[in-house]
C-alpha cells in the first residue's frame, strides 16, 4: 500500500518537469521543500561523456514506489515525489528529480538525501555511458 505522503512516482521517456514535482508537493502545511535534480554531466572518471541512456528493469517502478513509501514512513514528511528518466539523454538533461516536503527544512533535507541515495542503491535502473574516445560503459548493472 502506498503511504499517503507519496504524491508522485514515475519513470518517463520524456523530459522531466521540475514544476510537476513542485506542484505535486504543494500544501499549506509544508514550510520546507527540498528538491534534487540529477543531470547528465559531460564527464565521468576523467573521460568526456558524449551521451547516455538509461534502461529500467520491469520491476523498477514498483521498486521506486517501495523506496518512496519507506522514506515517507521513516521521516515526518507531508509529501514525497520521485521521477526518473529512461531512454536516450543528452548532456544537461535531467535524469532524476526527487523532492520531499515537511513542516521543517531539516527533515526535508534529510528525507530528500535518503530518497536519492536509496533510489540510486536499490532501484534497478542502469546507465549506459558513451565517451568521446569511442568507449562505453554500463553503470549500476548487475
N, C-alpha and C. Protein backbone atom coordinates (compact mmCIF):
# COMPACT_ATOMS: atom_id res chain seq x y z
N UNK A 1 0.85 -1.19 0.00
CA UNK A 1 0.00 0.00 0.00
C UNK A 1 0.89 1.24 0.00
N UNK A 2 0.51 2.21 -0.76
CA UNK A 2 1.29 3.43 -0.87
C UNK A 2 0.98 4.36 0.32
N UNK A 3 2.04 4.87 0.93
CA UNK A 3 1.91 5.82 2.03
C UNK A 3 1.20 7.08 1.50
N UNK A 4 0.31 7.67 2.29
CA UNK A 4 -0.43 8.84 1.79
C UNK A 4 0.45 10.05 1.45
N UNK A 5 1.67 10.12 1.97
CA UNK A 5 2.56 11.24 1.65
C UNK A 5 3.21 11.09 0.28
N UNK A 6 3.13 9.90 -0.32
CA UNK A 6 3.73 9.69 -1.64
C UNK A 6 2.79 10.29 -2.68
N UNK A 7 3.25 11.35 -3.32
CA UNK A 7 2.39 12.11 -4.21
C UNK A 7 2.66 11.87 -5.69
N UNK A 8 3.91 11.54 -6.03
CA UNK A 8 4.26 11.38 -7.45
C UNK A 8 5.42 10.41 -7.56
N UNK A 9 5.25 9.37 -8.37
CA UNK A 9 6.31 8.40 -8.64
C UNK A 9 6.21 8.06 -10.12
N UNK A 10 7.33 8.11 -10.83
CA UNK A 10 7.24 7.77 -12.24
C UNK A 10 8.57 7.50 -12.91
N UNK A 11 8.49 6.75 -13.99
CA UNK A 11 9.58 6.55 -14.94
C UNK A 11 9.09 7.17 -16.23
N UNK A 12 9.90 8.02 -16.84
CA UNK A 12 9.44 8.77 -18.00
C UNK A 12 10.42 8.65 -19.16
N UNK A 13 9.89 8.50 -20.36
CA UNK A 13 10.71 8.52 -21.58
C UNK A 13 10.80 9.92 -22.15
N UNK A 14 10.09 10.85 -21.55
CA UNK A 14 10.10 12.25 -21.99
C UNK A 14 10.82 13.11 -20.96
N UNK A 15 11.11 14.34 -21.34
CA UNK A 15 11.82 15.26 -20.45
C UNK A 15 11.10 15.39 -19.11
N UNK A 16 11.89 15.43 -18.03
CA UNK A 16 11.31 15.58 -16.70
C UNK A 16 10.94 17.04 -16.46
N UNK A 17 9.87 17.24 -15.70
CA UNK A 17 9.33 18.56 -15.45
C UNK A 17 9.44 18.88 -13.96
N UNK A 18 10.38 19.75 -13.60
CA UNK A 18 10.57 20.13 -12.21
C UNK A 18 9.30 20.76 -11.65
N UNK A 19 8.61 21.55 -12.44
CA UNK A 19 7.37 22.18 -11.97
C UNK A 19 6.31 21.15 -11.60
N UNK A 20 6.24 20.05 -12.34
CA UNK A 20 5.30 18.98 -11.99
C UNK A 20 5.59 18.44 -10.60
N UNK A 21 6.87 18.23 -10.31
CA UNK A 21 7.26 17.72 -8.99
C UNK A 21 6.90 18.74 -7.92
N UNK A 22 7.22 20.00 -8.14
CA UNK A 22 6.89 21.04 -7.16
C UNK A 22 5.38 21.13 -6.93
N UNK A 23 4.60 21.10 -8.00
CA UNK A 23 3.14 21.16 -7.86
C UNK A 23 2.60 19.98 -7.07
N UNK A 24 3.19 18.80 -7.25
CA UNK A 24 2.69 17.61 -6.56
C UNK A 24 2.88 17.71 -5.05
N UNK A 25 3.81 18.54 -4.60
CA UNK A 25 4.10 18.67 -3.17
C UNK A 25 3.55 19.95 -2.56
N UNK A 26 2.74 20.68 -3.31
CA UNK A 26 2.21 21.94 -2.82
C UNK A 26 1.16 21.72 -1.74
N UNK A 27 1.42 22.26 -0.57
CA UNK A 27 0.41 22.26 0.50
C UNK A 27 0.77 23.36 1.50
N UNK A 28 -0.21 23.80 2.26
CA UNK A 28 -0.02 24.92 3.18
C UNK A 28 0.71 24.53 4.46
N UNK A 29 0.84 23.25 4.74
CA UNK A 29 1.47 22.81 6.00
C UNK A 29 2.97 22.64 5.88
N UNK A 30 3.51 22.67 4.66
CA UNK A 30 4.93 22.41 4.46
C UNK A 30 5.71 23.72 4.41
N UNK A 31 6.59 23.90 5.40
CA UNK A 31 7.45 25.07 5.44
C UNK A 31 8.76 24.86 4.71
N UNK A 32 9.08 23.59 4.43
CA UNK A 32 10.32 23.29 3.72
C UNK A 32 10.07 22.28 2.62
N UNK A 33 10.61 22.56 1.46
CA UNK A 33 10.55 21.62 0.34
C UNK A 33 11.96 21.57 -0.23
N UNK A 34 12.54 20.36 -0.26
CA UNK A 34 13.88 20.19 -0.78
C UNK A 34 13.80 19.38 -2.06
N UNK A 35 14.38 19.94 -3.13
CA UNK A 35 14.34 19.36 -4.46
C UNK A 35 15.77 19.03 -4.90
N UNK A 36 15.96 17.84 -5.46
CA UNK A 36 17.24 17.47 -6.04
C UNK A 36 17.01 17.10 -7.50
N UNK A 37 17.83 17.66 -8.38
CA UNK A 37 17.78 17.33 -9.80
C UNK A 37 19.14 16.74 -10.18
N UNK A 38 19.14 15.49 -10.61
CA UNK A 38 20.35 14.86 -11.13
C UNK A 38 20.40 15.06 -12.63
N UNK A 39 21.50 15.64 -13.12
CA UNK A 39 21.63 15.96 -14.54
C UNK A 39 22.75 15.16 -15.18
N UNK A 40 22.68 15.00 -16.49
CA UNK A 40 23.72 14.33 -17.25
C UNK A 40 24.90 15.29 -17.38
N UNK A 41 26.06 14.87 -16.88
CA UNK A 41 27.25 15.73 -16.96
C UNK A 41 28.11 15.30 -18.14
N UNK A 42 29.05 16.15 -18.49
CA UNK A 42 29.86 15.92 -19.68
C UNK A 42 31.15 15.14 -19.41
N UNK A 43 31.28 14.58 -18.22
CA UNK A 43 32.48 13.82 -17.89
C UNK A 43 32.19 12.79 -16.81
N UNK A 44 33.02 11.77 -16.75
CA UNK A 44 32.95 10.77 -15.69
C UNK A 44 34.27 10.02 -15.70
N UNK A 45 34.86 9.89 -14.54
CA UNK A 45 36.10 9.13 -14.42
C UNK A 45 37.22 9.66 -15.28
N UNK A 46 37.26 10.98 -15.47
CA UNK A 46 38.33 11.58 -16.25
C UNK A 46 38.13 11.51 -17.76
N UNK A 47 36.99 10.98 -18.20
CA UNK A 47 36.69 10.89 -19.63
C UNK A 47 35.54 11.82 -19.99
N UNK A 48 35.54 12.30 -21.21
CA UNK A 48 34.43 13.12 -21.69
C UNK A 48 33.24 12.25 -22.07
N UNK A 49 32.07 12.56 -21.55
CA UNK A 49 30.84 11.84 -21.87
C UNK A 49 30.14 12.57 -23.01
N UNK A 50 29.74 11.81 -24.03
CA UNK A 50 29.03 12.41 -25.16
C UNK A 50 27.52 12.20 -25.07
N UNK A 51 27.09 11.23 -24.27
CA UNK A 51 25.66 10.95 -24.10
C UNK A 51 25.48 9.68 -23.33
N UNK A 52 24.25 9.41 -23.00
CA UNK A 52 23.98 8.17 -22.27
C UNK A 52 22.53 7.79 -22.43
N UNK A 53 22.24 6.57 -22.04
CA UNK A 53 20.85 6.15 -21.97
C UNK A 53 20.65 5.35 -20.71
N UNK A 54 19.42 5.41 -20.21
CA UNK A 54 19.03 4.68 -19.01
C UNK A 54 18.06 3.58 -19.41
N UNK A 55 18.29 2.39 -18.85
CA UNK A 55 17.40 1.26 -19.02
C UNK A 55 16.86 0.87 -17.66
N UNK A 56 15.61 0.49 -17.60
CA UNK A 56 14.98 0.11 -16.34
C UNK A 56 14.49 -1.33 -16.42
N UNK A 57 14.73 -2.07 -15.34
CA UNK A 57 14.18 -3.42 -15.21
C UNK A 57 12.66 -3.29 -15.11
N UNK A 58 11.91 -4.30 -15.53
CA UNK A 58 10.44 -4.23 -15.44
C UNK A 58 9.92 -3.96 -14.02
N UNK A 59 10.71 -4.28 -13.00
CA UNK A 59 10.27 -4.05 -11.62
C UNK A 59 10.67 -2.66 -11.09
N UNK A 60 11.33 -1.86 -11.91
CA UNK A 60 11.90 -0.59 -11.43
C UNK A 60 10.84 0.35 -10.84
N UNK A 61 9.70 0.48 -11.50
CA UNK A 61 8.68 1.39 -10.99
C UNK A 61 8.16 0.93 -9.63
N UNK A 62 7.91 -0.36 -9.49
CA UNK A 62 7.45 -0.89 -8.20
C UNK A 62 8.51 -0.68 -7.12
N UNK A 63 9.77 -0.88 -7.47
CA UNK A 63 10.86 -0.66 -6.50
C UNK A 63 10.96 0.82 -6.13
N UNK A 64 10.77 1.71 -7.09
CA UNK A 64 10.79 3.14 -6.81
C UNK A 64 9.65 3.52 -5.87
N UNK A 65 8.48 2.94 -6.09
CA UNK A 65 7.35 3.17 -5.19
C UNK A 65 7.66 2.70 -3.78
N UNK A 66 8.31 1.53 -3.66
CA UNK A 66 8.68 1.00 -2.34
C UNK A 66 9.65 1.94 -1.63
N UNK A 67 10.62 2.45 -2.36
CA UNK A 67 11.59 3.38 -1.77
C UNK A 67 10.87 4.64 -1.28
N UNK A 68 9.98 5.18 -2.09
CA UNK A 68 9.22 6.37 -1.69
C UNK A 68 8.37 6.09 -0.46
N UNK A 69 7.72 4.93 -0.42
CA UNK A 69 6.93 4.54 0.75
C UNK A 69 7.78 4.49 2.01
N UNK A 70 8.97 3.88 1.90
CA UNK A 70 9.86 3.75 3.06
C UNK A 70 10.32 5.10 3.56
N UNK A 71 10.68 5.99 2.65
CA UNK A 71 11.11 7.33 3.06
C UNK A 71 9.95 8.06 3.72
N UNK A 72 8.78 7.97 3.13
CA UNK A 72 7.60 8.64 3.71
C UNK A 72 7.29 8.11 5.11
N UNK A 73 7.48 6.81 5.33
CA UNK A 73 7.20 6.21 6.63
C UNK A 73 8.30 6.50 7.66
N UNK A 74 9.51 6.78 7.18
CA UNK A 74 10.66 6.95 8.07
C UNK A 74 10.89 8.40 8.50
N UNK A 75 10.33 9.35 7.77
CA UNK A 75 10.55 10.77 8.06
C UNK A 75 9.20 11.46 8.22
N UNK A 76 9.19 12.51 8.99
CA UNK A 76 7.96 13.26 9.23
C UNK A 76 7.72 14.23 8.07
N UNK A 77 7.36 13.66 6.92
CA UNK A 77 7.15 14.45 5.71
C UNK A 77 5.68 14.50 5.34
N UNK A 78 5.31 15.57 4.66
CA UNK A 78 3.95 15.71 4.13
C UNK A 78 3.85 15.24 2.70
N UNK A 79 5.00 15.21 2.00
CA UNK A 79 4.98 14.81 0.60
C UNK A 79 6.31 14.27 0.14
N UNK A 80 6.24 13.30 -0.78
CA UNK A 80 7.42 12.67 -1.39
C UNK A 80 7.13 12.54 -2.88
N UNK A 81 8.12 12.87 -3.70
CA UNK A 81 7.97 12.72 -5.15
C UNK A 81 9.30 12.26 -5.74
N UNK A 82 9.23 11.38 -6.74
CA UNK A 82 10.44 10.91 -7.43
C UNK A 82 10.07 10.50 -8.84
N UNK A 83 10.79 11.07 -9.82
CA UNK A 83 10.63 10.67 -11.21
C UNK A 83 12.02 10.46 -11.80
N UNK A 84 12.15 9.42 -12.62
CA UNK A 84 13.43 9.09 -13.25
C UNK A 84 13.21 8.94 -14.73
N UNK A 85 14.16 9.42 -15.49
CA UNK A 85 14.10 9.35 -16.94
C UNK A 85 14.67 8.02 -17.41
N UNK A 86 14.12 7.48 -18.47
CA UNK A 86 14.68 6.32 -19.17
C UNK A 86 14.78 6.70 -20.65
N UNK A 87 15.64 5.97 -21.35
CA UNK A 87 15.85 6.27 -22.76
C UNK A 87 17.12 7.04 -22.98
N UNK A 88 17.22 7.68 -24.14
CA UNK A 88 18.42 8.40 -24.54
C UNK A 88 18.38 9.83 -24.00
N UNK A 89 19.47 10.23 -23.31
CA UNK A 89 19.57 11.57 -22.74
C UNK A 89 20.81 12.27 -23.28
N UNK A 90 20.75 13.58 -23.34
CA UNK A 90 21.87 14.40 -23.79
C UNK A 90 22.51 15.09 -22.59
N UNK A 91 23.69 15.62 -22.78
CA UNK A 91 24.36 16.38 -21.74
C UNK A 91 23.44 17.52 -21.30
N UNK A 92 23.29 17.66 -19.98
CA UNK A 92 22.44 18.71 -19.42
C UNK A 92 21.02 18.29 -19.14
N UNK A 93 20.57 17.17 -19.71
CA UNK A 93 19.21 16.70 -19.44
C UNK A 93 19.05 16.28 -17.98
N UNK A 94 17.87 16.47 -17.43
CA UNK A 94 17.55 15.97 -16.09
C UNK A 94 17.31 14.47 -16.18
N UNK A 95 18.04 13.72 -15.37
CA UNK A 95 17.90 12.26 -15.34
C UNK A 95 16.98 11.81 -14.21
N UNK A 96 16.97 12.55 -13.11
CA UNK A 96 16.15 12.21 -11.96
C UNK A 96 15.79 13.48 -11.21
N UNK A 97 14.54 13.52 -10.72
CA UNK A 97 14.09 14.61 -9.87
C UNK A 97 13.42 13.99 -8.66
N UNK A 98 13.91 14.34 -7.47
CA UNK A 98 13.28 13.88 -6.24
C UNK A 98 13.05 15.09 -5.35
N UNK A 99 12.03 15.00 -4.51
CA UNK A 99 11.75 16.08 -3.58
C UNK A 99 10.92 15.55 -2.42
N UNK A 100 11.08 16.24 -1.29
CA UNK A 100 10.23 15.96 -0.13
C UNK A 100 9.79 17.30 0.46
N UNK A 101 8.64 17.28 1.08
CA UNK A 101 8.12 18.47 1.74
C UNK A 101 7.77 18.11 3.18
N UNK A 102 8.08 19.03 4.09
CA UNK A 102 7.87 18.81 5.51
C UNK A 102 7.59 20.14 6.18
N UNK A 103 7.16 20.08 7.41
CA UNK A 103 6.94 21.31 8.16
C UNK A 103 8.25 22.07 8.35
N UNK A 104 9.36 21.35 8.44
CA UNK A 104 10.64 21.98 8.75
C UNK A 104 11.70 21.58 7.73
N UNK A 105 12.63 22.49 7.43
CA UNK A 105 13.65 22.28 6.41
C UNK A 105 14.58 21.12 6.74
N UNK A 106 14.96 20.96 8.00
CA UNK A 106 15.89 19.90 8.36
C UNK A 106 15.37 18.53 7.98
N UNK A 107 14.12 18.28 8.27
CA UNK A 107 13.51 17.00 7.92
C UNK A 107 13.44 16.83 6.42
N UNK A 108 13.09 17.90 5.71
CA UNK A 108 13.02 17.81 4.24
C UNK A 108 14.39 17.53 3.64
N UNK A 109 15.44 18.16 4.15
CA UNK A 109 16.80 17.88 3.65
C UNK A 109 17.18 16.42 3.90
N UNK A 110 16.96 15.94 5.12
CA UNK A 110 17.31 14.56 5.46
C UNK A 110 16.53 13.56 4.62
N UNK A 111 15.25 13.78 4.47
CA UNK A 111 14.40 12.86 3.71
C UNK A 111 14.78 12.85 2.23
N UNK A 112 15.08 14.02 1.67
CA UNK A 112 15.46 14.08 0.26
C UNK A 112 16.78 13.37 0.02
N UNK A 113 17.73 13.54 0.94
CA UNK A 113 19.02 12.84 0.82
C UNK A 113 18.80 11.33 0.88
N UNK A 114 17.99 10.88 1.82
CA UNK A 114 17.69 9.45 1.93
C UNK A 114 16.99 8.95 0.67
N UNK A 115 16.11 9.75 0.11
CA UNK A 115 15.37 9.34 -1.07
C UNK A 115 16.29 9.13 -2.27
N UNK A 116 17.15 10.09 -2.58
CA UNK A 116 18.02 9.93 -3.74
C UNK A 116 19.05 8.83 -3.50
N UNK A 117 19.62 8.77 -2.30
CA UNK A 117 20.63 7.75 -2.03
C UNK A 117 20.04 6.34 -2.11
N UNK A 118 18.86 6.14 -1.55
CA UNK A 118 18.23 4.82 -1.57
C UNK A 118 17.77 4.46 -2.98
N UNK A 119 17.25 5.43 -3.70
CA UNK A 119 16.87 5.20 -5.10
C UNK A 119 18.08 4.69 -5.89
N UNK A 120 19.20 5.40 -5.76
CA UNK A 120 20.41 5.02 -6.50
C UNK A 120 20.90 3.62 -6.12
N UNK A 121 20.75 3.26 -4.85
CA UNK A 121 21.23 1.97 -4.35
C UNK A 121 20.31 0.80 -4.70
N UNK A 122 19.01 1.04 -4.76
CA UNK A 122 18.06 -0.07 -4.79
C UNK A 122 17.18 -0.20 -6.02
N UNK A 123 16.98 0.87 -6.76
CA UNK A 123 16.07 0.80 -7.91
C UNK A 123 16.86 0.33 -9.13
N UNK A 124 16.41 -0.74 -9.79
CA UNK A 124 17.17 -1.30 -10.92
C UNK A 124 17.04 -0.50 -12.21
N UNK A 125 17.78 0.61 -12.23
CA UNK A 125 17.89 1.46 -13.41
C UNK A 125 19.38 1.55 -13.72
N UNK A 126 19.73 1.28 -14.98
CA UNK A 126 21.14 1.20 -15.36
C UNK A 126 21.48 2.25 -16.39
N UNK A 127 22.68 2.80 -16.23
CA UNK A 127 23.16 3.87 -17.10
C UNK A 127 24.20 3.32 -18.07
N UNK A 128 24.01 3.59 -19.34
CA UNK A 128 24.95 3.22 -20.39
C UNK A 128 25.57 4.51 -20.90
N UNK A 129 26.86 4.71 -20.58
CA UNK A 129 27.56 5.94 -20.96
C UNK A 129 28.39 5.74 -22.21
N UNK A 130 28.38 6.77 -23.06
CA UNK A 130 29.23 6.79 -24.25
C UNK A 130 30.25 7.90 -24.08
N UNK A 131 31.52 7.58 -24.36
CA UNK A 131 32.61 8.52 -24.15
C UNK A 131 33.14 9.06 -25.47
N UNK A 132 33.78 10.22 -25.40
CA UNK A 132 34.34 10.87 -26.58
C UNK A 132 35.42 10.06 -27.27
N UNK A 133 36.08 9.16 -26.53
CA UNK A 133 37.14 8.35 -27.13
C UNK A 133 36.61 7.10 -27.82
N UNK A 134 35.28 6.96 -27.89
CA UNK A 134 34.66 5.81 -28.56
C UNK A 134 34.36 4.66 -27.64
N UNK A 135 34.80 4.70 -26.39
CA UNK A 135 34.49 3.62 -25.45
C UNK A 135 33.13 3.86 -24.81
N UNK A 136 32.66 2.87 -24.09
CA UNK A 136 31.38 2.96 -23.40
C UNK A 136 31.44 2.11 -22.15
N UNK A 137 30.50 2.34 -21.24
CA UNK A 137 30.41 1.51 -20.05
C UNK A 137 28.99 1.52 -19.51
N UNK A 138 28.64 0.43 -18.84
CA UNK A 138 27.38 0.31 -18.12
C UNK A 138 27.66 0.59 -16.66
N UNK A 139 26.83 1.42 -16.03
CA UNK A 139 27.00 1.75 -14.63
C UNK A 139 25.76 1.26 -13.88
N UNK A 140 26.01 0.54 -12.78
CA UNK A 140 24.92 0.07 -11.95
C UNK A 140 24.25 -1.20 -12.43
N UNK A 141 24.79 -1.82 -13.46
CA UNK A 141 24.18 -3.06 -13.96
C UNK A 141 24.67 -4.24 -13.14
N UNK A 142 23.85 -5.27 -13.05
CA UNK A 142 24.25 -6.44 -12.24
C UNK A 142 25.39 -7.21 -12.86
